[in-house]
């Protein structure tokens, strides 16, 4: 096997930035799981999921839209500005809901995630406006600052539940100033923006479908957490067990995200590269899956022995993530084709199936049932998205 077919300089640099950011997050979470009792760690993960889900809501699908829609540098800049205004407006609308559930203190962390963190609008903008190497530096910097703050809160302040809150309050104004500087550095003009804004308003429907698509991607995971919170008599402890296994299995997603984001511009113009990327993803995901299986077994029988009851859950979730890793490229292809309605239909259907299946299976099998429901939903989602991708690209080829 020629290893050069599966790696190149851009993949390595951008992939290393993802590995660093994701790896640093995992290290911090593993340290937190060691120093915190399961109930505290579960509460940390619960707040983390709310922050990430809220960030996906506020971003309204703009990160994907920025990466796939605009062609010129001006259109990319003005879509970023439009995204900033829209996100701030949505934050105002979200505030009463958070206040009602006594979660208003999570608003700034949610904004931080939607703007600046992995999958946020700024990262997507930098990726298409500059290059993957500069984005790599940005990702490493954000991760280093944020997760260092999380670690400080866990170890020094002994406040595990709010570990994702304090760093966001400190970093949000610093990075927001960076966004303002970037906007004016690119010679933003309001009179030109008004012309673009009229067009961007028309894209809000597509953006809304992207929001629901992003929501569905997260809800495959987060529905599980919220159902555990709702159904379990010992919710935070079970959330800790489930999240521990989930965090490790999520490492698989590094591969498709790296390859597709680095070559996103090629996918827009060269449909033949799809098969090459698909082969690379399958091979690398298979290899990494075996590595993770061995590593996880060793972890829970040594340092993390209090999670030694999670191995079967991990195996189920690992299979689920193999399906999800294979799905990413099909979803990206359909979004490039502007087939928002079809991806929306698939994702909403899978959310419904996942919720119902998780609810029913939890009653019989507990956490294992929720993991099985996720695996089943992701498998069906892969089949449907593959069907639509083949359907629309065959029409193009004809």
Protein backbone atom coordinates (compact mmCIF):
# COMPACT_ATOMS: atom_id res chain seq x y z
CA UNK A 1 0.00 0.00 0.00
CA UNK A 2 1.43 3.38 -1.03
CA UNK A 3 1.17 5.55 2.06
CA UNK A 4 1.71 8.70 -0.05
CA UNK A 5 -1.77 8.21 -1.51
CA UNK A 6 -3.31 8.72 1.92
CA UNK A 7 -1.33 11.62 3.33
CA UNK A 8 0.11 14.88 2.07
CA UNK A 9 1.53 18.05 3.58
CA UNK A 10 -1.80 19.88 3.89
CA UNK A 11 -3.53 16.86 5.42
CA UNK A 12 -0.73 16.51 7.97
CA UNK A 13 -0.61 20.16 8.99
CA UNK A 14 -4.37 20.65 9.19
CA UNK A 15 -4.86 17.19 10.65
CA UNK A 16 -2.26 17.86 13.33
CA UNK A 17 -4.12 21.03 14.30
CA UNK A 18 -7.32 19.00 14.69
CA UNK A 19 -5.43 16.30 16.58
CA UNK A 20 -3.89 18.94 18.82
CA UNK A 21 -7.19 20.68 19.54
CA UNK A 22 -9.15 17.47 19.94
CA UNK A 23 -6.28 15.74 21.71
CA UNK A 24 -5.81 18.60 24.15
CA UNK A 25 -9.54 18.58 24.85
CA UNK A 26 -9.45 14.84 25.51
CA UNK A 27 -6.45 15.19 27.82
CA UNK A 28 -8.23 17.90 29.79
CA UNK A 29 -11.42 15.83 29.97
CA UNK A 30 -9.47 12.75 31.03
CA UNK A 31 -7.76 14.74 33.79
CA UNK A 32 -11.16 16.07 34.84
CA UNK A 33 -12.55 12.53 34.93
CA UNK A 34 -9.68 11.53 37.23
CA UNK A 35 -9.98 14.44 39.65
CA UNK A 36 -13.76 14.74 39.70
CA UNK A 37 -16.24 12.23 41.01
CA UNK A 38 -18.56 10.84 38.34
CA UNK A 39 -21.45 13.10 39.28
CA UNK A 40 -19.28 16.23 38.92
CA UNK A 41 -17.79 15.03 35.65
CA UNK A 42 -21.26 14.21 34.35
CA UNK A 43 -22.47 17.72 35.17
CA UNK A 44 -19.46 19.19 33.33
CA UNK A 45 -20.32 17.10 30.27
CA UNK A 46 -23.99 18.10 30.52
CA UNK A 47 -23.16 21.82 30.46
CA UNK A 48 -20.64 21.19 27.69
CA UNK A 49 -23.33 19.59 25.52
CA UNK A 50 -25.72 22.50 26.10
CA UNK A 51 -22.98 24.97 25.12
CA UNK A 52 -22.10 23.05 21.97
CA UNK A 53 -25.73 22.57 20.97
CA UNK A 54 -26.48 26.24 21.64
CA UNK A 55 -23.45 27.20 19.57
CA UNK A 56 -24.75 25.11 16.67
CA UNK A 57 -28.13 26.84 16.96
CA UNK A 58 -26.68 30.36 16.94
CA UNK A 59 -24.33 29.65 14.03
CA UNK A 60 -27.43 28.80 11.94
CA UNK A 61 -25.47 26.68 9.48
CA UNK A 62 -23.29 29.65 8.47
CA UNK A 63 -19.96 27.78 8.91
CA UNK A 64 -20.97 25.25 6.26
CA UNK A 65 -22.47 27.96 4.07
CA UNK A 66 -19.26 30.01 4.24
CA UNK A 67 -17.21 26.98 3.20
CA UNK A 68 -19.42 25.85 0.35
CA UNK A 69 -21.23 28.87 -1.14
CA UNK A 70 -19.18 32.06 -1.75
CA UNK A 71 -16.48 32.15 -4.41
CA UNK A 72 -14.93 35.63 -4.27
CA UNK A 73 -13.06 37.09 -1.30
CA UNK A 74 -15.56 39.94 -1.04
CA UNK A 75 -18.53 37.60 -0.83
CA UNK A 76 -16.76 35.54 1.84
CA UNK A 77 -16.04 38.66 3.91
CA UNK A 78 -19.57 39.99 3.66
CA UNK A 79 -21.08 36.63 4.48
CA UNK A 80 -18.92 36.62 7.63
CA UNK A 81 -20.28 40.06 8.60
CA UNK A 82 -23.83 38.94 7.87
CA UNK A 83 -23.23 35.86 10.03
CA UNK A 84 -21.97 37.97 12.94
CA UNK A 85 -25.05 40.20 12.92
CA UNK A 86 -27.43 37.25 12.62
CA UNK A 87 -25.77 35.30 15.44
CA UNK A 88 -25.95 38.27 17.81
CA UNK A 89 -29.64 38.70 16.98
CA UNK A 90 -30.34 35.03 17.64
CA UNK A 91 -28.47 35.30 20.96
CA UNK A 92 -30.93 37.97 22.04
CA UNK A 93 -33.83 35.69 21.10
CA UNK A 94 -32.27 32.73 22.92
CA UNK A 95 -31.69 34.65 26.16
CA UNK A 96 -35.26 34.35 27.56
CA UNK A 97 -35.17 30.56 27.08
CA UNK A 98 -31.85 30.25 28.91
CA UNK A 99 -33.12 32.57 31.63
CA UNK A 100 -36.25 30.46 32.12
CA UNK A 101 -34.18 27.30 32.61
CA UNK A 102 -31.69 29.18 34.83
CA UNK A 103 -28.94 28.68 32.26
CA UNK A 104 -28.41 32.30 31.21
CA UNK A 105 -24.81 32.09 32.45
CA UNK A 106 -24.13 29.80 29.47
CA UNK A 107 -24.93 32.51 26.88
CA UNK A 108 -21.37 33.84 26.50
CA UNK A 109 -19.87 30.32 26.23
CA UNK A 110 -22.50 29.52 23.60
CA UNK A 111 -21.56 32.66 21.66
CA UNK A 112 -17.87 31.77 21.98
CA UNK A 113 -18.52 28.35 20.47
CA UNK A 114 -20.63 29.68 17.60
CA UNK A 115 -18.09 32.33 16.63
CA UNK A 116 -14.63 31.04 17.40
CA UNK A 117 -14.43 27.38 18.27
CA UNK A 118 -14.09 24.32 16.04
CA UNK A 119 -16.90 24.47 13.50
CA UNK A 120 -17.52 28.16 14.23
CA UNK A 121 -17.99 30.86 11.60
CA UNK A 122 -14.53 32.41 12.03
CA UNK A 123 -12.71 29.13 11.48
CA UNK A 124 -14.70 28.42 8.32
CA UNK A 125 -14.07 31.94 7.06
CA UNK A 126 -10.31 31.72 7.64
CA UNK A 127 -10.20 28.34 5.89
CA UNK A 128 -11.69 29.64 2.64
CA UNK A 129 -10.28 33.17 2.81
CA UNK A 130 -6.68 32.18 3.52
CA UNK A 131 -5.38 28.60 3.67
CA UNK A 132 -5.46 25.49 5.84
CA UNK A 133 -2.04 26.21 7.39
CA UNK A 134 -3.13 29.57 8.83
CA UNK A 135 -6.33 27.99 10.11
CA UNK A 136 -4.20 25.32 11.76
CA UNK A 137 -2.36 28.00 13.75
CA UNK A 138 -5.67 29.59 14.71
CA UNK A 139 -7.18 26.27 15.84
CA UNK A 140 -4.14 25.44 17.95
CA UNK A 141 -4.16 28.88 19.58
CA UNK A 142 -7.86 28.79 20.44
CA UNK A 143 -7.65 25.26 21.82
CA UNK A 144 -4.52 25.98 23.85
CA UNK A 145 -6.00 29.07 25.48
CA UNK A 146 -9.46 27.66 26.08
CA UNK A 147 -8.58 24.22 27.40
CA UNK A 148 -5.76 25.59 29.53
CA UNK A 149 -8.46 27.68 31.17
CA UNK A 150 -10.69 24.62 31.59
CA UNK A 151 -7.84 22.73 33.22
CA UNK A 152 -7.10 25.64 35.55
CA UNK A 153 -10.72 25.77 36.71
CA UNK A 154 -10.81 22.01 37.35
CA UNK A 155 -7.51 21.83 39.23
CA UNK A 156 -7.26 25.19 40.97
CA UNK A 157 -10.83 26.36 41.47
CA UNK A 158 -12.33 22.90 42.13
CA UNK A 159 -15.38 23.92 40.08
CA UNK A 160 -15.75 21.13 37.56
CA UNK A 161 -19.30 21.90 36.48
CA UNK A 162 -18.41 25.43 35.32
CA UNK A 163 -15.05 24.56 33.75
CA UNK A 164 -16.34 25.44 30.26
CA UNK A 165 -17.87 28.72 31.43
CA UNK A 166 -15.08 30.82 32.91
CA UNK A 167 -12.55 30.54 30.03
CA UNK A 168 -15.20 31.60 27.51
CA UNK A 169 -15.96 34.77 29.47
CA UNK A 170 -12.28 35.67 29.43
CA UNK A 171 -11.54 34.83 25.78
CA UNK A 172 -14.73 36.03 24.06
CA UNK A 173 -13.90 39.79 24.05
CA UNK A 174 -10.32 39.13 22.89
CA UNK A 175 -11.37 37.11 19.85
CA UNK A 176 -14.28 39.40 19.05
CA UNK A 177 -11.80 42.26 18.73
CA UNK A 178 -9.84 40.04 16.32
CA UNK A 179 -12.97 39.60 14.16
CA UNK A 180 -13.56 43.36 14.04
CA UNK A 181 -9.94 43.95 13.02
CA UNK A 182 -10.18 41.31 10.29
CA UNK A 183 -13.36 42.88 8.90
CA UNK A 184 -11.79 46.32 8.58
CA UNK A 185 -8.46 44.88 7.40
CA UNK A 186 -10.31 43.37 4.43
CA UNK A 187 -11.66 46.87 3.64
CA UNK A 188 -15.27 46.29 4.58
CA UNK A 189 -17.66 48.82 3.05
CA UNK A 190 -21.22 49.13 4.34
CA UNK A 191 -22.68 50.30 1.02
CA UNK A 192 -21.34 47.16 -0.66
CA UNK A 193 -22.52 45.03 2.25
CA UNK A 194 -26.11 46.21 1.76
CA UNK A 195 -26.10 44.78 -1.75
CA UNK A 196 -24.72 41.46 -0.55
CA UNK A 197 -27.09 41.40 2.43
CA UNK A 198 -30.16 41.31 0.19
CA UNK A 199 -28.80 38.20 -1.45
CA UNK A 200 -27.76 36.63 1.87
CA UNK A 201 -31.28 37.08 3.24
CA UNK A 202 -32.46 34.81 0.45
CA UNK A 203 -29.94 32.23 1.63
CA UNK A 204 -31.44 32.14 5.12
CA UNK A 205 -33.72 29.28 4.18
CA UNK A 206 -30.74 27.26 3.02
CA UNK A 207 -28.93 28.38 6.12
CA UNK A 208 -31.87 27.27 8.25
CA UNK A 209 -31.80 23.83 6.68
CA UNK A 210 -28.07 23.71 7.36
CA UNK A 211 -28.84 24.62 10.97
CA UNK A 212 -31.23 21.69 11.22
CA UNK A 213 -28.67 19.47 9.53
CA UNK A 214 -26.01 20.52 12.04
CA UNK A 215 -28.53 20.07 14.82
CA UNK A 216 -29.28 16.56 13.64
CA UNK A 217 -25.58 15.72 13.57
CA UNK A 218 -25.23 16.87 17.16
CA UNK A 219 -28.55 15.46 18.30
CA UNK A 220 -27.43 11.95 17.40
CA UNK A 221 -25.13 12.47 20.35
CA UNK A 222 -26.84 15.05 22.50
CA UNK A 223 -30.29 13.52 22.42
CA UNK A 224 -28.66 10.62 24.20
CA UNK A 225 -27.30 12.87 26.93
CA UNK A 226 -30.57 14.73 27.42
CA UNK A 227 -32.56 11.51 27.51
CA UNK A 228 -30.20 10.12 30.15
CA UNK A 229 -30.69 13.33 32.14
CA UNK A 230 -34.46 12.95 31.83
CA UNK A 231 -34.83 9.19 32.35
CA UNK A 232 -32.04 8.20 34.71
CA UNK A 233 -32.34 8.15 38.48
CA UNK A 234 -28.57 8.72 38.65
CA UNK A 235 -28.25 10.99 35.61
CA UNK A 236 -24.87 12.67 36.02
CA UNK A 237 -23.12 9.39 36.83
CA UNK A 238 -24.54 7.71 33.72
CA UNK A 239 -23.75 10.79 31.62
CA UNK A 240 -20.15 10.48 32.84
CA UNK A 241 -19.94 6.83 31.74
CA UNK A 242 -21.53 7.47 28.35
CA UNK A 243 -19.54 10.65 27.66
CA UNK A 244 -16.24 9.01 28.56
CA UNK A 245 -16.75 6.32 25.91
CA UNK A 246 -18.18 8.83 23.45
CA UNK A 247 -15.25 11.23 23.73
CA UNK A 248 -12.78 8.53 22.69
CA UNK A 249 -14.92 7.16 19.84
CA UNK A 250 -15.35 10.69 18.46
CA UNK A 251 -11.63 10.71 17.61
CA UNK A 252 -12.54 8.80 14.43
CA UNK A 253 -14.24 11.92 13.04
CA UNK A 254 -10.85 13.66 12.84
CA UNK A 255 -10.12 11.74 9.64
CA UNK A 256 -13.10 12.70 7.42
CA UNK A 257 -13.17 16.26 8.78
CA UNK A 258 -9.48 16.76 7.99
CA UNK A 259 -9.55 15.31 4.48
CA UNK A 260 -12.79 16.97 3.43
CA UNK A 261 -12.09 20.42 4.89
CA UNK A 262 -8.62 20.58 3.32
CA UNK A 263 -9.98 19.55 -0.11
CA UNK A 264 -13.36 21.31 0.10
CA UNK A 265 -12.51 23.67 -2.78
CA UNK A 266 -11.53 20.70 -4.98
CA UNK A 267 -14.81 18.96 -4.18
CA UNK A 268 -16.68 22.00 -5.48
CA UNK A 269 -15.08 21.85 -8.91
CA UNK A 270 -13.77 18.30 -9.35
CA UNK A 271 -16.35 15.61 -8.63
CA UNK A 272 -13.87 12.80 -9.39
CA UNK A 273 -11.91 13.53 -6.23
CA UNK A 274 -14.86 12.12 -4.25
CA UNK A 275 -13.82 8.51 -4.85
CA UNK A 276 -10.22 9.23 -3.89
CA UNK A 277 -11.25 10.87 -0.63
CA UNK A 278 -13.72 8.12 0.13
CA UNK A 279 -11.04 5.43 -0.19
CA UNK A 280 -8.65 7.38 2.01
CA UNK A 281 -11.33 7.84 4.67
CA UNK A 282 -12.27 4.14 4.73
CA UNK A 283 -8.67 2.95 5.03
CA UNK A 284 -7.61 5.44 7.69
CA UNK A 285 -10.81 5.03 9.72
CA UNK A 286 -10.32 1.25 9.74
CA UNK A 287 -6.75 1.52 11.00
CA UNK A 288 -7.60 4.12 13.65
CA UNK A 289 -10.57 2.07 14.88
CA UNK A 290 -8.31 -0.86 15.74
CA UNK A 291 -5.87 1.46 17.51
CA UNK A 292 -8.63 3.07 19.56
CA UNK A 293 -10.06 -0.31 20.54
CA UNK A 294 -6.72 -1.45 21.94
CA UNK A 295 -5.98 1.87 23.64
CA UNK A 296 -9.40 2.10 25.27
CA UNK A 297 -9.16 -1.42 26.65
CA UNK A 298 -5.82 -0.55 28.21
CA UNK A 299 -7.09 2.75 29.62
CA UNK A 300 -10.07 1.33 31.48
CA UNK A 301 -8.00 -1.47 33.00
CA UNK A 302 -5.28 0.82 34.31
CA UNK A 303 -5.57 4.54 35.08
CA UNK A 304 -9.29 4.92 34.31
CA UNK A 305 -10.43 1.76 36.03
CA UNK A 306 -13.56 3.43 37.44
CA UNK A 307 -14.86 3.40 33.84
CA UNK A 308 -14.15 -0.31 33.29
CA UNK A 309 -17.89 -0.90 32.94
CA UNK A 310 -18.00 1.08 29.66
CA UNK A 311 -16.11 -1.20 27.23
CA UNK A 312 -19.21 -2.63 25.54
CA UNK A 313 -20.72 0.86 25.26
CA UNK A 314 -17.48 2.00 23.63
CA UNK A 315 -17.55 -0.83 21.07
CA UNK A 316 -21.11 0.05 20.06
CA UNK A 317 -20.29 3.76 19.81
CA UNK A 318 -17.11 3.02 17.85
CA UNK A 319 -19.16 1.15 15.24
CA UNK A 320 -21.59 4.08 15.19
CA UNK A 321 -18.71 6.49 14.55
CA UNK A 322 -17.44 4.33 11.68
CA UNK A 323 -20.84 4.83 10.02
CA UNK A 324 -20.75 8.55 10.79
CA UNK A 325 -17.20 8.91 9.43
CA UNK A 326 -18.33 7.36 6.16
CA UNK A 327 -21.34 9.68 6.04
CA UNK A 328 -19.48 13.01 6.23
CA UNK A 329 -18.34 13.03 2.60
CA UNK A 330 -21.84 12.21 1.29
CA UNK A 331 -23.34 15.06 3.29
CA UNK A 332 -20.67 17.48 2.07
CA UNK A 333 -21.28 16.47 -1.57
CA UNK A 334 -25.03 17.07 -1.28
CA UNK A 335 -24.52 20.44 0.40
CA UNK A 336 -22.15 21.50 -2.40
CA UNK A 337 -24.96 20.57 -4.81
CA UNK A 338 -27.32 22.76 -2.74
CA UNK A 339 -29.53 19.74 -1.98
CA UNK A 340 -30.49 21.20 1.38
CA UNK A 341 -34.03 19.81 1.39
CA UNK A 342 -32.88 16.24 0.95
CA UNK A 343 -30.23 16.37 3.65
CA UNK A 344 -32.77 18.10 5.88
CA UNK A 345 -35.34 15.34 5.31
CA UNK A 346 -32.81 12.61 6.09
CA UNK A 347 -31.50 14.29 9.20
CA UNK A 348 -34.90 15.17 10.65
CA UNK A 349 -36.11 11.63 10.02
CA UNK A 350 -33.04 10.21 11.75
CA UNK A 351 -33.46 12.53 14.73
CA UNK A 352 -37.02 11.26 15.17
CA UNK A 353 -35.96 7.62 14.82
CA UNK A 354 -33.04 8.14 17.20
CA UNK A 355 -35.19 9.77 19.88
CA UNK A 356 -37.89 7.09 19.73
CA UNK A 357 -35.41 4.20 19.58
CA UNK A 358 -33.29 5.66 22.39
CA UNK A 359 -36.33 6.18 24.60
CA UNK A 360 -37.62 2.63 24.06
CA UNK A 361 -34.29 0.82 24.24
CA UNK A 362 -33.16 2.66 27.36
CA UNK A 363 -36.11 1.14 29.20
CA UNK A 364 -34.80 -2.36 28.45
CA UNK A 365 -31.02 -2.03 28.13
CA UNK A 366 -30.06 1.24 29.80
CA UNK A 367 -27.02 2.97 28.32
CA UNK A 368 -26.43 0.06 25.93
CA UNK A 369 -29.84 0.69 24.39
CA UNK A 370 -29.08 4.36 23.77
CA UNK A 371 -25.76 3.46 22.14
CA UNK A 372 -27.47 0.86 19.93
CA UNK A 373 -30.10 3.42 18.87
CA UNK A 374 -27.37 5.85 17.81
CA UNK A 375 -25.55 3.14 15.86
CA UNK A 376 -28.74 2.09 14.08
CA UNK A 377 -29.70 5.70 13.24
CA UNK A 378 -26.26 6.54 11.85
CA UNK A 379 -26.27 3.39 9.72
CA UNK A 380 -29.66 4.29 8.18
CA UNK A 381 -28.50 7.87 7.65
CA UNK A 382 -25.44 6.67 5.74
CA UNK A 383 -27.60 4.50 3.47
CA UNK A 384 -30.03 7.34 2.68
CA UNK A 385 -27.39 10.01 2.06
CA UNK A 386 -25.46 7.64 -0.17
CA UNK A 387 -28.66 6.98 -2.12
CA UNK A 388 -29.28 10.71 -2.72
CA UNK A 389 -25.66 11.40 -3.58
CA UNK A 390 -25.62 8.66 -6.23
CA UNK A 391 -28.98 9.86 -7.57
CA UNK A 392 -28.00 13.50 -8.07
CA UNK A 393 -24.44 12.97 -9.25
CA UNK A 394 -25.50 10.38 -11.80
CA UNK A 395 -27.91 12.97 -13.22
CA UNK A 396 -25.02 15.43 -13.48
CA UNK A 397 -22.79 12.94 -15.26
CA UNK A 398 -25.51 12.24 -17.79
